[in-house]
Amino acid sequence: MIVYEFKVKGKDKQYRAIDEAIRTSQFIQNKCLRYWMDNQGASRYDLNKYCAVLAAEFPFADELNSMARQAAAERSWSAIARFYDNCQKKIKGKKGFPKFKKNCRSVEYKSSGWKLSEARKAITFSDQKGIGTLKLKGTYDLNYYDIKQIKRVRLVRRADGYYAQFAINVDVKVVRLAYVTRHSLGVFNPLSTYF
């Protein structure tokens, strides 16, 4: 899995919509954590089902794409699973009990809720938050990869602007190159004997 990052360009209302999507994702993440605390034995699948309950109960949560809601629940579950692992391994000291998020900076979309342009220089978000089409600025070329290889798209807010991260499923092979000299290749340069 590799991650490519692009700076996104849009209008002020689009940036406000991204901020609203990030706040909604944080809300769902915190509500899922509270649900786990109140219901002992709640599983990952229970948290995913709880996303539908939250969407029915809160209209602003329903505006976010269903896959983005599930990604927020998966973030909660990853913190819970890390806590369970630390308890089972009997790590000394603090076990890393999951905490509520106070300042979340990203929202993650899985396989739906977004679409790349044909030239792959812009991305359009189709949920009801109103993000719309954003231009992608960067040096990477997404044309090398099939759309099915892009597993997740994350919108990130930073101090210098907003970014889109693409998690691409690729088999990375590391090839080691040997250091080759002229003598090992058997190449003889007659001028090198005079200098």
N, C-alpha and C. Protein backbone atom coordinates (compact mmCIF):
# COMPACT_ATOMS: atom_id res chain seq x y z
N MET A 1 0.85 -1.18 0.00
CA MET A 1 0.00 0.00 0.00
C MET A 1 0.89 1.24 0.00
N ILE A 2 0.65 2.12 -0.94
CA ILE A 2 1.37 3.38 -0.98
C ILE A 2 0.36 4.52 -0.86
N VAL A 3 0.84 5.67 -0.40
CA VAL A 3 -0.03 6.82 -0.22
C VAL A 3 0.54 7.99 -1.02
N TYR A 4 -0.28 8.54 -1.89
CA TYR A 4 0.06 9.74 -2.64
C TYR A 4 -0.73 10.91 -2.07
N GLU A 5 -0.06 12.05 -1.95
CA GLU A 5 -0.72 13.22 -1.37
C GLU A 5 -0.71 14.37 -2.36
N PHE A 6 -1.84 15.04 -2.47
CA PHE A 6 -2.01 16.19 -3.34
C PHE A 6 -2.59 17.34 -2.53
N LYS A 7 -2.17 18.55 -2.85
CA LYS A 7 -2.83 19.71 -2.26
C LYS A 7 -4.10 19.95 -3.06
N VAL A 8 -5.20 20.27 -2.36
CA VAL A 8 -6.46 20.51 -3.06
C VAL A 8 -6.74 22.00 -3.10
N LYS A 9 -7.27 22.43 -4.24
CA LYS A 9 -7.65 23.83 -4.44
C LYS A 9 -9.15 23.90 -4.64
N GLY A 10 -9.77 24.81 -3.90
CA GLY A 10 -11.21 25.00 -4.02
C GLY A 10 -11.59 26.39 -3.54
N LYS A 11 -12.87 26.59 -3.34
CA LYS A 11 -13.38 27.87 -2.86
C LYS A 11 -13.56 27.81 -1.34
N ASP A 12 -13.76 28.97 -0.75
CA ASP A 12 -13.91 29.04 0.71
C ASP A 12 -15.08 28.21 1.21
N LYS A 13 -16.19 28.19 0.48
CA LYS A 13 -17.34 27.40 0.93
C LYS A 13 -17.03 25.91 0.86
N GLN A 14 -16.17 25.50 -0.07
CA GLN A 14 -15.77 24.09 -0.14
C GLN A 14 -14.88 23.73 1.05
N TYR A 15 -13.99 24.65 1.43
CA TYR A 15 -13.16 24.39 2.62
C TYR A 15 -14.02 24.31 3.88
N ARG A 16 -15.05 25.16 3.96
CA ARG A 16 -15.96 25.07 5.11
C ARG A 16 -16.71 23.74 5.12
N ALA A 17 -17.06 23.25 3.93
CA ALA A 17 -17.74 21.95 3.82
C ALA A 17 -16.81 20.81 4.24
N ILE A 18 -15.52 20.92 3.90
CA ILE A 18 -14.55 19.91 4.35
C ILE A 18 -14.45 19.93 5.87
N ASP A 19 -14.40 21.15 6.45
CA ASP A 19 -14.35 21.27 7.91
C ASP A 19 -15.58 20.64 8.57
N GLU A 20 -16.74 20.83 7.96
CA GLU A 20 -17.97 20.24 8.49
C GLU A 20 -17.93 18.71 8.40
N ALA A 21 -17.39 18.19 7.29
CA ALA A 21 -17.26 16.74 7.15
C ALA A 21 -16.29 16.18 8.18
N ILE A 22 -15.21 16.90 8.47
CA ILE A 22 -14.24 16.46 9.48
C ILE A 22 -14.89 16.46 10.86
N ARG A 23 -15.67 17.50 11.18
CA ARG A 23 -16.36 17.54 12.48
C ARG A 23 -17.37 16.42 12.61
N THR A 24 -18.08 16.12 11.53
CA THR A 24 -19.05 15.02 11.56
C THR A 24 -18.36 13.69 11.75
N SER A 25 -17.23 13.49 11.08
CA SER A 25 -16.46 12.25 11.27
C SER A 25 -15.98 12.11 12.71
N GLN A 26 -15.52 13.21 13.29
CA GLN A 26 -15.08 13.21 14.70
C GLN A 26 -16.25 12.88 15.62
N PHE A 27 -17.42 13.45 15.33
CA PHE A 27 -18.62 13.19 16.13
C PHE A 27 -18.97 11.70 16.11
N ILE A 28 -18.96 11.11 14.91
CA ILE A 28 -19.30 9.68 14.77
C ILE A 28 -18.26 8.82 15.49
N GLN A 29 -17.01 9.19 15.36
CA GLN A 29 -15.94 8.44 16.03
C GLN A 29 -16.14 8.47 17.55
N ASN A 30 -16.44 9.63 18.10
CA ASN A 30 -16.63 9.75 19.54
C ASN A 30 -17.91 9.04 20.01
N LYS A 31 -18.98 9.11 19.20
CA LYS A 31 -20.22 8.42 19.57
C LYS A 31 -20.03 6.90 19.55
N CYS A 32 -19.25 6.40 18.59
CA CYS A 32 -18.97 4.96 18.55
C CYS A 32 -18.16 4.52 19.76
N LEU A 33 -17.23 5.36 20.17
CA LEU A 33 -16.44 5.04 21.37
C LEU A 33 -17.34 5.02 22.61
N ARG A 34 -18.25 5.98 22.71
CA ARG A 34 -19.19 6.01 23.83
C ARG A 34 -20.10 4.79 23.80
N TYR A 35 -20.54 4.38 22.62
CA TYR A 35 -21.38 3.19 22.47
C TYR A 35 -20.64 1.95 22.97
N TRP A 36 -19.35 1.85 22.63
CA TRP A 36 -18.55 0.71 23.11
C TRP A 36 -18.41 0.74 24.62
N MET A 37 -18.23 1.93 25.21
CA MET A 37 -18.09 2.03 26.66
C MET A 37 -19.39 1.64 27.37
N ASP A 38 -20.53 2.01 26.81
CA ASP A 38 -21.82 1.74 27.44
C ASP A 38 -22.30 0.32 27.22
N ASN A 39 -21.85 -0.34 26.17
CA ASN A 39 -22.30 -1.69 25.83
C ASN A 39 -21.10 -2.63 25.84
N GLN A 40 -20.91 -3.32 26.95
CA GLN A 40 -19.78 -4.24 27.04
C GLN A 40 -19.95 -5.36 26.03
N GLY A 41 -18.84 -5.70 25.39
CA GLY A 41 -18.86 -6.77 24.41
C GLY A 41 -19.26 -6.31 23.02
N ALA A 42 -19.40 -5.02 22.80
CA ALA A 42 -19.73 -4.52 21.46
C ALA A 42 -18.56 -4.81 20.51
N SER A 43 -18.90 -5.26 19.32
CA SER A 43 -17.87 -5.65 18.35
C SER A 43 -17.71 -4.59 17.27
N ARG A 44 -16.81 -4.87 16.39
CA ARG A 44 -16.57 -3.96 15.26
C ARG A 44 -17.82 -3.82 14.41
N TYR A 45 -18.53 -4.92 14.21
CA TYR A 45 -19.73 -4.91 13.39
C TYR A 45 -20.86 -4.15 14.09
N ASP A 46 -20.91 -4.21 15.40
CA ASP A 46 -21.90 -3.42 16.14
C ASP A 46 -21.66 -1.92 15.94
N LEU A 47 -20.40 -1.52 15.89
CA LEU A 47 -20.09 -0.11 15.66
C LEU A 47 -20.49 0.31 14.25
N ASN A 48 -20.27 -0.57 13.26
CA ASN A 48 -20.69 -0.26 11.89
C ASN A 48 -22.20 -0.13 11.78
N LYS A 49 -22.94 -0.99 12.50
CA LYS A 49 -24.40 -0.89 12.50
C LYS A 49 -24.85 0.38 13.21
N TYR A 50 -24.11 0.78 14.23
CA TYR A 50 -24.47 1.98 14.99
C TYR A 50 -24.36 3.23 14.12
N CYS A 51 -23.54 3.20 13.10
CA CYS A 51 -23.43 4.34 12.17
C CYS A 51 -24.77 4.63 11.50
N ALA A 52 -25.51 3.59 11.16
CA ALA A 52 -26.83 3.78 10.54
C ALA A 52 -27.81 4.39 11.54
N VAL A 53 -27.70 4.01 12.79
CA VAL A 53 -28.55 4.59 13.84
C VAL A 53 -28.24 6.07 14.00
N LEU A 54 -26.97 6.42 13.99
CA LEU A 54 -26.57 7.82 14.11
C LEU A 54 -27.06 8.63 12.91
N ALA A 55 -27.00 8.04 11.72
CA ALA A 55 -27.47 8.74 10.52
C ALA A 55 -28.97 9.00 10.58
N ALA A 56 -29.72 8.06 11.16
CA ALA A 56 -31.17 8.24 11.28
C ALA A 56 -31.51 9.27 12.37
N GLU A 57 -30.68 9.34 13.40
CA GLU A 57 -30.96 10.22 14.53
C GLU A 57 -30.51 11.66 14.30
N PHE A 58 -29.38 11.84 13.61
CA PHE A 58 -28.80 13.18 13.41
C PHE A 58 -28.75 13.49 11.91
N PRO A 59 -29.47 14.52 11.46
CA PRO A 59 -29.47 14.84 10.02
C PRO A 59 -28.09 15.21 9.48
N PHE A 60 -27.25 15.88 10.27
CA PHE A 60 -25.92 16.25 9.78
C PHE A 60 -25.03 15.03 9.59
N ALA A 61 -25.28 13.96 10.37
CA ALA A 61 -24.52 12.72 10.19
C ALA A 61 -24.98 11.99 8.93
N ASP A 62 -26.27 12.14 8.59
CA ASP A 62 -26.80 11.50 7.39
C ASP A 62 -26.26 12.15 6.13
N GLU A 63 -25.82 13.42 6.22
CA GLU A 63 -25.26 14.11 5.06
C GLU A 63 -23.92 13.53 4.64
N LEU A 64 -23.20 12.92 5.58
CA LEU A 64 -21.90 12.33 5.27
C LEU A 64 -22.11 10.98 4.59
N ASN A 65 -21.27 10.65 3.64
CA ASN A 65 -21.35 9.38 2.92
C ASN A 65 -21.30 8.21 3.90
N SER A 66 -22.04 7.14 3.59
CA SER A 66 -22.11 5.99 4.50
C SER A 66 -20.75 5.32 4.69
N MET A 67 -19.93 5.29 3.63
CA MET A 67 -18.59 4.70 3.74
C MET A 67 -17.69 5.57 4.62
N ALA A 68 -17.87 6.87 4.58
CA ALA A 68 -17.09 7.75 5.45
C ALA A 68 -17.51 7.56 6.91
N ARG A 69 -18.80 7.33 7.14
CA ARG A 69 -19.26 7.04 8.51
C ARG A 69 -18.65 5.73 9.01
N GLN A 70 -18.60 4.72 8.15
CA GLN A 70 -18.02 3.44 8.54
C GLN A 70 -16.51 3.58 8.78
N ALA A 71 -15.84 4.42 8.00
CA ALA A 71 -14.41 4.64 8.21
C ALA A 71 -14.16 5.29 9.56
N ALA A 72 -15.06 6.20 9.99
CA ALA A 72 -14.94 6.82 11.32
C ALA A 72 -15.13 5.77 12.42
N ALA A 73 -16.08 4.85 12.22
CA ALA A 73 -16.29 3.77 13.19
C ALA A 73 -15.08 2.84 13.23
N GLU A 74 -14.46 2.60 12.08
CA GLU A 74 -13.26 1.75 12.04
C GLU A 74 -12.09 2.40 12.78
N ARG A 75 -12.01 3.73 12.72
CA ARG A 75 -10.97 4.41 13.49
C ARG A 75 -11.17 4.19 14.98
N SER A 76 -12.41 4.27 15.43
CA SER A 76 -12.70 3.99 16.84
C SER A 76 -12.32 2.57 17.18
N TRP A 77 -12.69 1.65 16.30
CA TRP A 77 -12.41 0.25 16.58
C TRP A 77 -10.91 -0.03 16.60
N SER A 78 -10.12 0.66 15.78
CA SER A 78 -8.67 0.43 15.80
C SER A 78 -8.07 0.86 17.14
N ALA A 79 -8.59 1.93 17.73
CA ALA A 79 -8.12 2.34 19.07
C ALA A 79 -8.53 1.32 20.12
N ILE A 80 -9.74 0.80 19.99
CA ILE A 80 -10.23 -0.22 20.94
C ILE A 80 -9.42 -1.50 20.79
N ALA A 81 -9.16 -1.93 19.56
CA ALA A 81 -8.39 -3.15 19.32
C ALA A 81 -6.96 -3.01 19.84
N ARG A 82 -6.37 -1.83 19.69
CA ARG A 82 -5.02 -1.60 20.22
C ARG A 82 -5.02 -1.72 21.75
N PHE A 83 -6.06 -1.20 22.39
CA PHE A 83 -6.19 -1.32 23.85
C PHE A 83 -6.32 -2.79 24.26
N TYR A 84 -7.16 -3.56 23.55
CA TYR A 84 -7.31 -4.99 23.84
C TYR A 84 -6.00 -5.73 23.67
N ASP A 85 -5.26 -5.43 22.61
CA ASP A 85 -3.97 -6.09 22.37
C ASP A 85 -2.98 -5.79 23.48
N ASN A 86 -2.93 -4.54 23.92
CA ASN A 86 -2.01 -4.18 25.00
C ASN A 86 -2.38 -4.88 26.30
N CYS A 87 -3.67 -5.06 26.54
CA CYS A 87 -4.09 -5.77 27.75
C CYS A 87 -3.73 -7.25 27.67
N GLN A 88 -3.91 -7.87 26.50
CA GLN A 88 -3.60 -9.29 26.35
C GLN A 88 -2.10 -9.55 26.42
N LYS A 89 -1.31 -8.60 25.93
CA LYS A 89 0.14 -8.76 25.98
C LYS A 89 0.71 -8.41 27.35
N LYS A 90 -0.14 -7.91 28.23
CA LYS A 90 0.23 -7.54 29.60
C LYS A 90 1.38 -6.55 29.62
N ILE A 91 1.23 -5.51 28.81
CA ILE A 91 2.22 -4.45 28.77
C ILE A 91 2.15 -3.68 30.07
N LYS A 92 3.31 -3.40 30.65
CA LYS A 92 3.34 -2.69 31.93
C LYS A 92 2.99 -1.22 31.71
N GLY A 93 2.42 -0.63 32.73
CA GLY A 93 2.06 0.79 32.66
C GLY A 93 0.71 0.99 32.01
N LYS A 94 0.54 2.15 31.39
CA LYS A 94 -0.74 2.48 30.76
C LYS A 94 -0.96 1.61 29.54
N LYS A 95 -2.20 1.18 29.38
CA LYS A 95 -2.55 0.28 28.28
C LYS A 95 -3.08 1.02 27.06
N GLY A 96 -3.23 2.33 27.15
CA GLY A 96 -3.71 3.10 26.01
C GLY A 96 -5.21 3.03 25.85
N PHE A 97 -5.95 3.27 26.94
CA PHE A 97 -7.41 3.26 26.86
C PHE A 97 -7.86 4.29 25.83
N PRO A 98 -8.79 3.93 24.94
CA PRO A 98 -9.21 4.85 23.88
C PRO A 98 -9.75 6.16 24.45
N LYS A 99 -9.38 7.26 23.80
CA LYS A 99 -9.81 8.59 24.24
C LYS A 99 -10.69 9.23 23.19
N PHE A 100 -11.53 10.14 23.66
CA PHE A 100 -12.37 10.90 22.74
C PHE A 100 -11.50 11.88 21.97
N LYS A 101 -11.80 12.06 20.70
CA LYS A 101 -11.05 12.99 19.85
C LYS A 101 -11.53 14.41 20.10
N LYS A 102 -10.58 15.31 20.35
CA LYS A 102 -10.92 16.71 20.57
C LYS A 102 -10.64 17.56 19.34
N ASN A 103 -9.62 17.20 18.59
CA ASN A 103 -9.23 18.00 17.44
C ASN A 103 -8.86 17.08 16.28
N CYS A 104 -9.85 16.58 15.61
CA CYS A 104 -9.63 15.70 14.46
C CYS A 104 -9.31 16.56 13.24
N ARG A 105 -8.43 16.08 12.38
CA ARG A 105 -8.01 16.88 11.23
C ARG A 105 -8.27 16.21 9.88
N SER A 106 -8.99 15.09 9.88
CA SER A 106 -9.20 14.42 8.59
C SER A 106 -10.52 13.66 8.57
N VAL A 107 -10.99 13.45 7.36
CA VAL A 107 -12.15 12.60 7.10
C VAL A 107 -11.75 11.63 6.00
N GLU A 108 -12.18 10.39 6.13
CA GLU A 108 -11.73 9.35 5.22
C GLU A 108 -12.92 8.74 4.48
N TYR A 109 -12.78 8.62 3.18
CA TYR A 109 -13.80 7.99 2.33
C TYR A 109 -13.23 6.67 1.84
N LYS A 110 -14.07 5.64 1.85
CA LYS A 110 -13.61 4.34 1.37
C LYS A 110 -13.83 4.26 -0.14
N SER A 111 -14.56 3.30 -0.62
CA SER A 111 -14.67 3.08 -2.06
C SER A 111 -15.74 3.91 -2.75
N SER A 112 -16.60 4.58 -2.00
CA SER A 112 -17.63 5.40 -2.63
C SER A 112 -17.65 6.78 -2.01
N GLY A 113 -18.40 7.68 -2.65
CA GLY A 113 -18.50 9.05 -2.15
C GLY A 113 -17.55 10.00 -2.85
N TRP A 114 -16.73 9.48 -3.76
CA TRP A 114 -15.77 10.32 -4.49
C TRP A 114 -15.61 9.77 -5.90
N LYS A 115 -15.17 10.65 -6.80
CA LYS A 115 -14.93 10.24 -8.18
C LYS A 115 -13.84 11.12 -8.76
N LEU A 116 -12.86 10.49 -9.40
CA LEU A 116 -11.78 11.23 -10.07
C LEU A 116 -12.24 11.65 -11.46
N SER A 117 -11.71 12.79 -11.92
CA SER A 117 -12.00 13.24 -13.29
C SER A 117 -11.26 12.32 -14.27
N GLU A 118 -11.60 12.43 -15.54
CA GLU A 118 -10.96 11.56 -16.53
C GLU A 118 -9.47 11.81 -16.63
N ALA A 119 -9.05 13.05 -16.51
CA ALA A 119 -7.62 13.38 -16.55
C ALA A 119 -6.95 13.12 -15.20
N ARG A 120 -7.76 12.83 -14.19
CA ARG A 120 -7.29 12.56 -12.82
C ARG A 120 -6.53 13.75 -12.23
N LYS A 121 -7.01 14.93 -12.56
CA LYS A 121 -6.45 16.17 -12.00
C LYS A 121 -7.45 16.86 -11.08
N ALA A 122 -8.63 16.24 -10.88
CA ALA A 122 -9.66 16.79 -9.99
C ALA A 122 -10.43 15.63 -9.37
N ILE A 123 -10.99 15.88 -8.20
CA ILE A 123 -11.79 14.87 -7.51
C ILE A 123 -13.11 15.52 -7.10
N THR A 124 -14.19 14.76 -7.24
CA THR A 124 -15.52 15.23 -6.89
C THR A 124 -16.07 14.38 -5.77
N PHE A 125 -16.55 15.02 -4.71
CA PHE A 125 -17.17 14.32 -3.59
C PHE A 125 -18.68 14.46 -3.72
N SER A 126 -19.39 13.34 -3.65
CA SER A 126 -20.81 13.31 -3.98
C SER A 126 -21.73 13.24 -2.77
N ASP A 127 -21.22 13.35 -1.56
CA ASP A 127 -22.13 13.33 -0.42
C ASP A 127 -22.82 14.68 -0.28
N GLN A 128 -23.68 14.81 0.69
CA GLN A 128 -24.50 16.01 0.81
C GLN A 128 -23.84 17.11 1.64
N LYS A 129 -22.58 17.01 1.93
CA LYS A 129 -21.88 18.05 2.67
C LYS A 129 -21.58 19.26 1.78
N GLY A 130 -21.57 19.08 0.47
CA GLY A 130 -21.37 20.18 -0.44
C GLY A 130 -19.92 20.48 -0.76
N ILE A 131 -19.07 19.47 -0.67
CA ILE A 131 -17.65 19.69 -0.98
C ILE A 131 -17.47 19.92 -2.47
N GLY A 132 -18.09 19.10 -3.29
CA GLY A 132 -18.03 19.29 -4.73
C GLY A 132 -16.71 18.89 -5.35
N THR A 133 -16.31 19.59 -6.41
CA THR A 133 -15.10 19.26 -7.18
C THR A 133 -13.92 20.10 -6.69
N LEU A 134 -12.82 19.42 -6.40
CA LEU A 134 -11.58 20.06 -5.95
C LEU A 134 -10.47 19.74 -6.94
N LYS A 135 -9.63 20.73 -7.24
CA LYS A 135 -8.48 20.51 -8.11
C LYS A 135 -7.35 19.89 -7.31
N LEU A 136 -6.62 18.96 -7.92
CA LEU A 136 -5.50 18.28 -7.28
C LEU A 136 -4.20 18.89 -7.79
N LYS A 137 -3.36 19.36 -6.88
CA LYS A 137 -2.06 19.93 -7.24
C LYS A 137 -0.96 19.05 -6.64
N GLY A 138 -0.13 18.48 -7.49
CA GLY A 138 0.96 17.63 -7.02
C GLY A 138 1.76 17.08 -8.18
N THR A 139 2.80 16.35 -7.85
CA THR A 139 3.70 15.83 -8.87
C THR A 139 3.42 14.37 -9.23
N TYR A 140 2.59 13.70 -8.47
CA TYR A 140 2.31 12.29 -8.76
C TYR A 140 1.31 12.18 -9.90
N ASP A 141 1.34 11.06 -10.60
CA ASP A 141 0.42 10.82 -11.70
C ASP A 141 -0.44 9.61 -11.34
N LEU A 142 -1.73 9.84 -11.14
CA LEU A 142 -2.65 8.76 -10.79
C LEU A 142 -3.08 7.94 -12.00
N ASN A 143 -2.68 8.34 -13.21
CA ASN A 143 -3.06 7.59 -14.41
C ASN A 143 -2.39 6.23 -14.48
N TYR A 144 -1.33 6.02 -13.73
CA TYR A 144 -0.66 4.73 -13.74
C TYR A 144 -1.46 3.64 -13.03
N TYR A 145 -2.46 4.04 -12.24
CA TYR A 145 -3.18 3.08 -11.40
C TYR A 145 -4.64 3.00 -11.82
N ASP A 146 -5.19 1.81 -11.68
CA ASP A 146 -6.60 1.60 -11.94
C ASP A 146 -7.40 2.19 -10.76
N ILE A 147 -8.60 2.65 -11.03
CA ILE A 147 -9.43 3.24 -9.98
C ILE A 147 -9.70 2.21 -8.88
N LYS A 148 -9.80 0.94 -9.24
CA LYS A 148 -10.08 -0.10 -8.24
C LYS A 148 -8.92 -0.28 -7.27
N GLN A 149 -7.73 0.16 -7.65
CA GLN A 149 -6.58 0.05 -6.75
C GLN A 149 -6.60 1.10 -5.65
N ILE A 150 -7.35 2.18 -5.85
CA ILE A 150 -7.44 3.23 -4.83
C ILE A 150 -8.45 2.78 -3.80
N LYS A 151 -7.97 2.44 -2.62
CA LYS A 151 -8.82 1.87 -1.58
C LYS A 151 -9.46 2.93 -0.68
N ARG A 152 -8.75 4.03 -0.44
CA ARG A 152 -9.28 5.07 0.44
C ARG A 152 -8.79 6.44 -0.02
N VAL A 153 -9.63 7.44 0.22
CA VAL A 153 -9.27 8.83 -0.02
C VAL A 153 -9.51 9.58 1.27
N ARG A 154 -8.50 10.28 1.72
CA ARG A 154 -8.59 11.02 2.98
C ARG A 154 -8.38 12.51 2.70
N LEU A 155 -9.29 13.34 3.22
CA LEU A 155 -9.12 14.79 3.17
C LEU A 155 -8.52 15.24 4.50
N VAL A 156 -7.42 15.96 4.43
CA VAL A 156 -6.66 16.35 5.63
C VAL A 156 -6.57 17.87 5.68
N ARG A 157 -6.83 18.43 6.88
CA ARG A 157 -6.66 19.86 7.09
C ARG A 157 -5.34 20.10 7.82
N ARG A 158 -4.52 20.98 7.26
CA ARG A 158 -3.26 21.34 7.90
C ARG A 158 -3.19 22.86 8.00
N ALA A 159 -2.15 23.36 8.63
CA ALA A 159 -2.01 24.80 8.81
C ALA A 159 -1.84 25.52 7.48
N ASP A 160 -1.23 24.86 6.50
CA ASP A 160 -0.97 25.53 5.22
C ASP A 160 -2.01 25.18 4.14
N GLY A 161 -3.10 24.53 4.50
CA GLY A 161 -4.14 24.24 3.52
C GLY A 161 -4.73 22.86 3.68
N TYR A 162 -5.39 22.41 2.64
CA TYR A 162 -6.09 21.12 2.64
C TYR A 162 -5.43 20.19 1.64
N TYR A 163 -5.40 18.90 1.99
CA TYR A 163 -4.73 17.90 1.17
C TYR A 163 -5.64 16.69 0.98
N ALA A 164 -5.44 16.00 -0.14
CA ALA A 164 -6.11 14.73 -0.41
C ALA A 164 -5.05 13.65 -0.46
N GLN A 165 -5.26 12.59 0.32
CA GLN A 165 -4.34 11.45 0.34
C GLN A 165 -5.04 10.25 -0.29
N PHE A 166 -4.35 9.58 -1.20
CA PHE A 166 -4.88 8.41 -1.88
C PHE A 166 -4.10 7.19 -1.41
N ALA A 167 -4.78 6.23 -0.79
CA ALA A 167 -4.16 4.96 -0.40
C ALA A 167 -4.36 3.98 -1.55
N ILE A 168 -3.25 3.59 -2.18
CA ILE A 168 -3.30 2.77 -3.39
C ILE A 168 -2.73 1.40 -3.08
N ASN A 169 -3.48 0.37 -3.44
CA ASN A 169 -3.06 -1.00 -3.21
C ASN A 169 -2.13 -1.44 -4.33
N VAL A 170 -0.84 -1.51 -4.01
CA VAL A 170 0.19 -1.87 -5.00
C VAL A 170 1.15 -2.85 -4.34
N ASP A 171 1.55 -3.85 -5.11
CA ASP A 171 2.60 -4.75 -4.64
C ASP A 171 3.94 -4.08 -4.92
N VAL A 172 4.64 -3.73 -3.86
CA VAL A 172 5.92 -3.04 -3.99
C VAL A 172 7.03 -4.08 -3.89
N LYS A 173 7.88 -4.12 -4.92
CA LYS A 173 9.01 -5.04 -4.91
C LYS A 173 10.29 -4.22 -4.80
N VAL A 174 11.14 -4.61 -3.89
CA VAL A 174 12.41 -3.92 -3.70
C VAL A 174 13.48 -4.70 -4.44
N VAL A 175 14.15 -4.02 -5.34
CA VAL A 175 15.21 -4.65 -6.12
C VAL A 175 16.54 -4.06 -5.67
N ARG A 176 17.46 -4.92 -5.31
CA ARG A 176 18.78 -4.46 -4.89
C ARG A 176 19.71 -4.47 -6.09
N LEU A 177 20.32 -3.35 -6.31
CA LEU A 177 21.28 -3.26 -7.41
C LEU A 177 22.69 -3.40 -6.87
N ALA A 178 23.48 -4.17 -7.57
CA ALA A 178 24.88 -4.35 -7.16
C ALA A 178 25.72 -3.20 -7.72
N TYR A 179 26.74 -2.83 -6.99
CA TYR A 179 27.65 -1.79 -7.45
C TYR A 179 28.56 -2.40 -8.50
N VAL A 180 28.57 -1.79 -9.67
CA VAL A 180 29.32 -2.33 -10.80
C VAL A 180 30.43 -1.35 -11.15
N THR A 181 31.66 -1.88 -11.29
CA THR A 181 32.79 -1.05 -11.72
C THR A 181 33.16 -1.42 -13.13
N ARG A 182 34.00 -0.59 -13.72
CA ARG A 182 34.44 -0.89 -15.08
C ARG A 182 35.29 -2.16 -15.12
N HIS A 183 36.06 -2.39 -14.07
CA HIS A 183 36.92 -3.58 -14.07
C HIS A 183 36.10 -4.86 -13.96
N SER A 184 34.99 -4.80 -13.21
CA SER A 184 34.18 -6.00 -13.07
C SER A 184 33.45 -6.34 -14.36
N LEU A 185 33.23 -5.32 -15.22
CA LEU A 185 32.60 -5.56 -16.51
C LEU A 185 33.62 -5.98 -17.57
N GLY A 186 34.91 -5.82 -17.26
CA GLY A 186 35.94 -6.18 -18.21
C GLY A 186 36.15 -5.11 -19.27
N VAL A 187 35.76 -3.88 -18.98
CA VAL A 187 35.93 -2.79 -19.94
C VAL A 187 37.30 -2.19 -19.73
N PHE A 188 38.05 -2.08 -20.79
CA PHE A 188 39.39 -1.50 -20.70
C PHE A 188 39.40 -0.19 -21.47
N ASN A 189 39.84 0.86 -20.81
CA ASN A 189 39.97 2.16 -21.45
C ASN A 189 41.45 2.45 -21.58
N PRO A 190 42.00 2.45 -22.80
CA PRO A 190 43.43 2.63 -22.97
C PRO A 190 43.92 4.00 -22.51
N LEU A 191 43.06 5.02 -22.51
CA LEU A 191 43.48 6.35 -22.06
C LEU A 191 43.67 6.39 -20.55
N SER A 192 43.01 5.49 -19.82
CA SER A 192 43.10 5.55 -18.37
C SER A 192 44.49 5.15 -17.87
N THR A 193 45.27 4.46 -18.70
CA THR A 193 46.62 4.08 -18.29
C THR A 193 47.59 5.26 -18.30
N TYR A 194 47.26 6.30 -19.06
CA TYR A 194 48.16 7.47 -19.13
C TYR A 194 47.85 8.51 -18.08
N PHE A 195 46.71 8.45 -17.45
CA PHE A 195 46.33 9.50 -16.48
C PHE A 195 46.35 8.99 -15.07
